[in-house]
Amino acid sequence: MQDSRDERLDRAFAALGDPVRRAIVARLSRGPATVNELAEPFAMSLQAVSKHIGVLESAGLVTRTRDAQRRPVHLRPAALEELTAWIDDYRLQHERQYRALDALLERTEGKERS
């Protein structure tokens, strides 16, 4: 059975709740990298970085491929687009509400001036 959208979003947002995982995603936004390359800026073991990558992979945010002896990690842009779309839905709802409030305030202020 395929995961529901809510479950995917829950896992993705939970995975991104950690600053190390956000930094890994930021690095992968520039292109694929190996675990060794991803571990360079962190004062932690390769095993710890690999666990962080595993969380991101379980959340559907990254994938790993095999390229000869290398196992590069790739960002899944479609997963980030799903998160962005979810956020945008709420942002647009709030913008519509604020525009309606602005219009109401303008009408009210216009009546007070008349």
Protein backbone atom coordinates (compact mmCIF):
# COMPACT_ATOMS: atom_id res chain seq x y z
CA MET A 1 0.00 0.00 0.00
CA GLN A 2 1.27 3.44 -0.89
CA ASP A 3 1.86 5.98 1.87
CA SER A 4 -0.65 8.77 2.16
CA ARG A 5 0.45 12.30 1.40
CA ASP A 6 0.11 13.21 5.08
CA GLU A 7 2.42 10.38 6.15
CA ARG A 8 5.04 11.41 3.56
CA LEU A 9 4.82 15.03 4.70
CA ASP A 10 5.10 13.99 8.36
CA ARG A 11 8.25 11.96 7.68
CA ALA A 12 9.79 14.67 5.51
CA PHE A 13 9.16 17.51 7.96
CA ALA A 14 10.39 15.35 10.86
CA ALA A 15 13.56 14.53 8.92
CA LEU A 16 14.13 18.20 8.18
CA GLY A 17 13.71 19.07 11.86
CA ASP A 18 17.37 18.23 12.44
CA PRO A 19 20.00 20.86 11.50
CA VAL A 20 22.50 18.23 10.26
CA ARG A 21 19.92 16.77 7.89
CA ARG A 22 18.96 20.25 6.66
CA ALA A 23 22.66 20.93 5.98
CA ILE A 24 22.92 17.64 4.06
CA VAL A 25 19.88 18.59 1.96
CA ALA A 26 21.39 22.04 1.33
CA ARG A 27 24.65 20.42 0.18
CA LEU A 28 22.80 17.95 -2.06
CA SER A 29 20.92 20.82 -3.68
CA ARG A 30 24.24 21.61 -5.40
CA GLY A 31 24.58 18.05 -6.73
CA PRO A 32 25.09 14.43 -5.68
CA ALA A 33 27.72 13.57 -3.08
CA THR A 34 29.15 10.53 -1.32
CA VAL A 35 28.80 9.91 2.39
CA ASN A 36 32.46 10.92 2.82
CA GLU A 37 31.84 14.21 1.03
CA LEU A 38 28.69 14.86 3.04
CA ALA A 39 30.52 14.09 6.31
CA GLU A 40 33.37 16.58 5.71
CA PRO A 41 31.83 19.62 7.44
CA PHE A 42 30.62 17.68 10.48
CA ALA A 43 32.47 16.60 13.61
CA MET A 44 30.82 13.19 13.66
CA SER A 45 31.53 9.68 12.47
CA LEU A 46 30.72 8.43 8.99
CA GLN A 47 28.29 6.03 10.65
CA ALA A 48 26.38 8.94 12.23
CA VAL A 49 26.21 10.81 8.91
CA SER A 50 25.08 7.60 7.23
CA LYS A 51 22.26 7.31 9.78
CA HIS A 52 21.17 10.87 8.99
CA ILE A 53 21.17 9.99 5.29
CA GLY A 54 19.10 6.90 6.12
CA VAL A 55 16.49 9.09 7.81
CA LEU A 56 16.38 11.38 4.77
CA GLU A 57 16.10 8.33 2.51
CA SER A 58 13.26 6.87 4.59
CA ALA A 59 11.50 10.22 4.34
CA GLY A 60 11.82 10.05 0.56
CA LEU A 61 13.98 13.16 0.35
CA VAL A 62 17.13 11.48 -1.01
CA THR A 63 18.12 8.37 -2.94
CA ARG A 64 21.36 6.47 -3.25
CA THR A 65 22.71 5.02 -6.48
CA ARG A 66 25.71 2.91 -7.36
CA ASP A 67 28.35 4.32 -9.68
CA ALA A 68 31.18 1.77 -9.87
CA GLN A 69 32.73 1.93 -6.38
CA ARG A 70 30.88 5.11 -5.42
CA ARG A 71 27.43 5.27 -3.86
CA PRO A 72 26.38 8.87 -4.42
CA VAL A 73 23.43 10.34 -2.58
CA HIS A 74 20.98 12.38 -4.67
CA LEU A 75 18.36 14.88 -3.63
CA ARG A 76 14.80 14.09 -4.78
CA PRO A 77 13.50 17.46 -6.03
CA ALA A 78 9.96 16.07 -6.41
CA ALA A 79 9.83 15.43 -2.66
CA LEU A 80 10.86 19.02 -1.92
CA GLU A 81 8.29 20.25 -4.43
CA GLU A 82 5.60 18.36 -2.52
CA LEU A 83 6.66 20.10 0.71
CA THR A 84 6.74 23.47 -1.02
CA ALA A 85 3.30 22.90 -2.53
CA TRP A 86 1.88 22.06 0.90
CA ILE A 87 3.40 25.21 2.40
CA ASP A 88 2.25 27.33 -0.54
CA ASP A 89 -1.36 26.15 -0.11
CA TYR A 90 -1.42 27.59 3.40
CA ARG A 91 0.52 30.69 2.44
CA LEU A 92 -1.97 31.45 -0.33
CA GLN A 93 -4.92 30.90 2.02
CA HIS A 94 -3.47 33.38 4.49
CA GLU A 95 -2.65 35.90 1.76
CA ARG A 96 -6.30 35.77 0.57
CA GLN A 97 -7.47 36.34 4.14
CA TYR A 98 -5.12 39.29 4.59
CA ARG A 99 -6.18 40.81 1.26
CA ALA A 100 -9.84 40.49 2.32
CA LEU A 101 -9.01 42.14 5.66
CA ASP A 102 -7.09 44.92 3.88
CA ALA A 103 -10.06 45.54 1.59
CA LEU A 104 -12.42 45.66 4.57
CA LEU A 105 -10.17 48.12 6.40
CA GLU A 106 -9.93 50.33 3.30
CA ARG A 107 -13.72 50.40 2.97
CA THR A 108 -14.11 51.14 6.69
CA GLU A 109 -11.52 53.94 6.58
CA GLY A 110 -13.16 55.35 3.43
CA LYS A 111 -16.55 55.49 5.15
CA GLU A 112 -15.03 57.23 8.19
CA ARG A 113 -13.47 59.91 5.97
CA SER A 114 -16.78 60.55 4.14
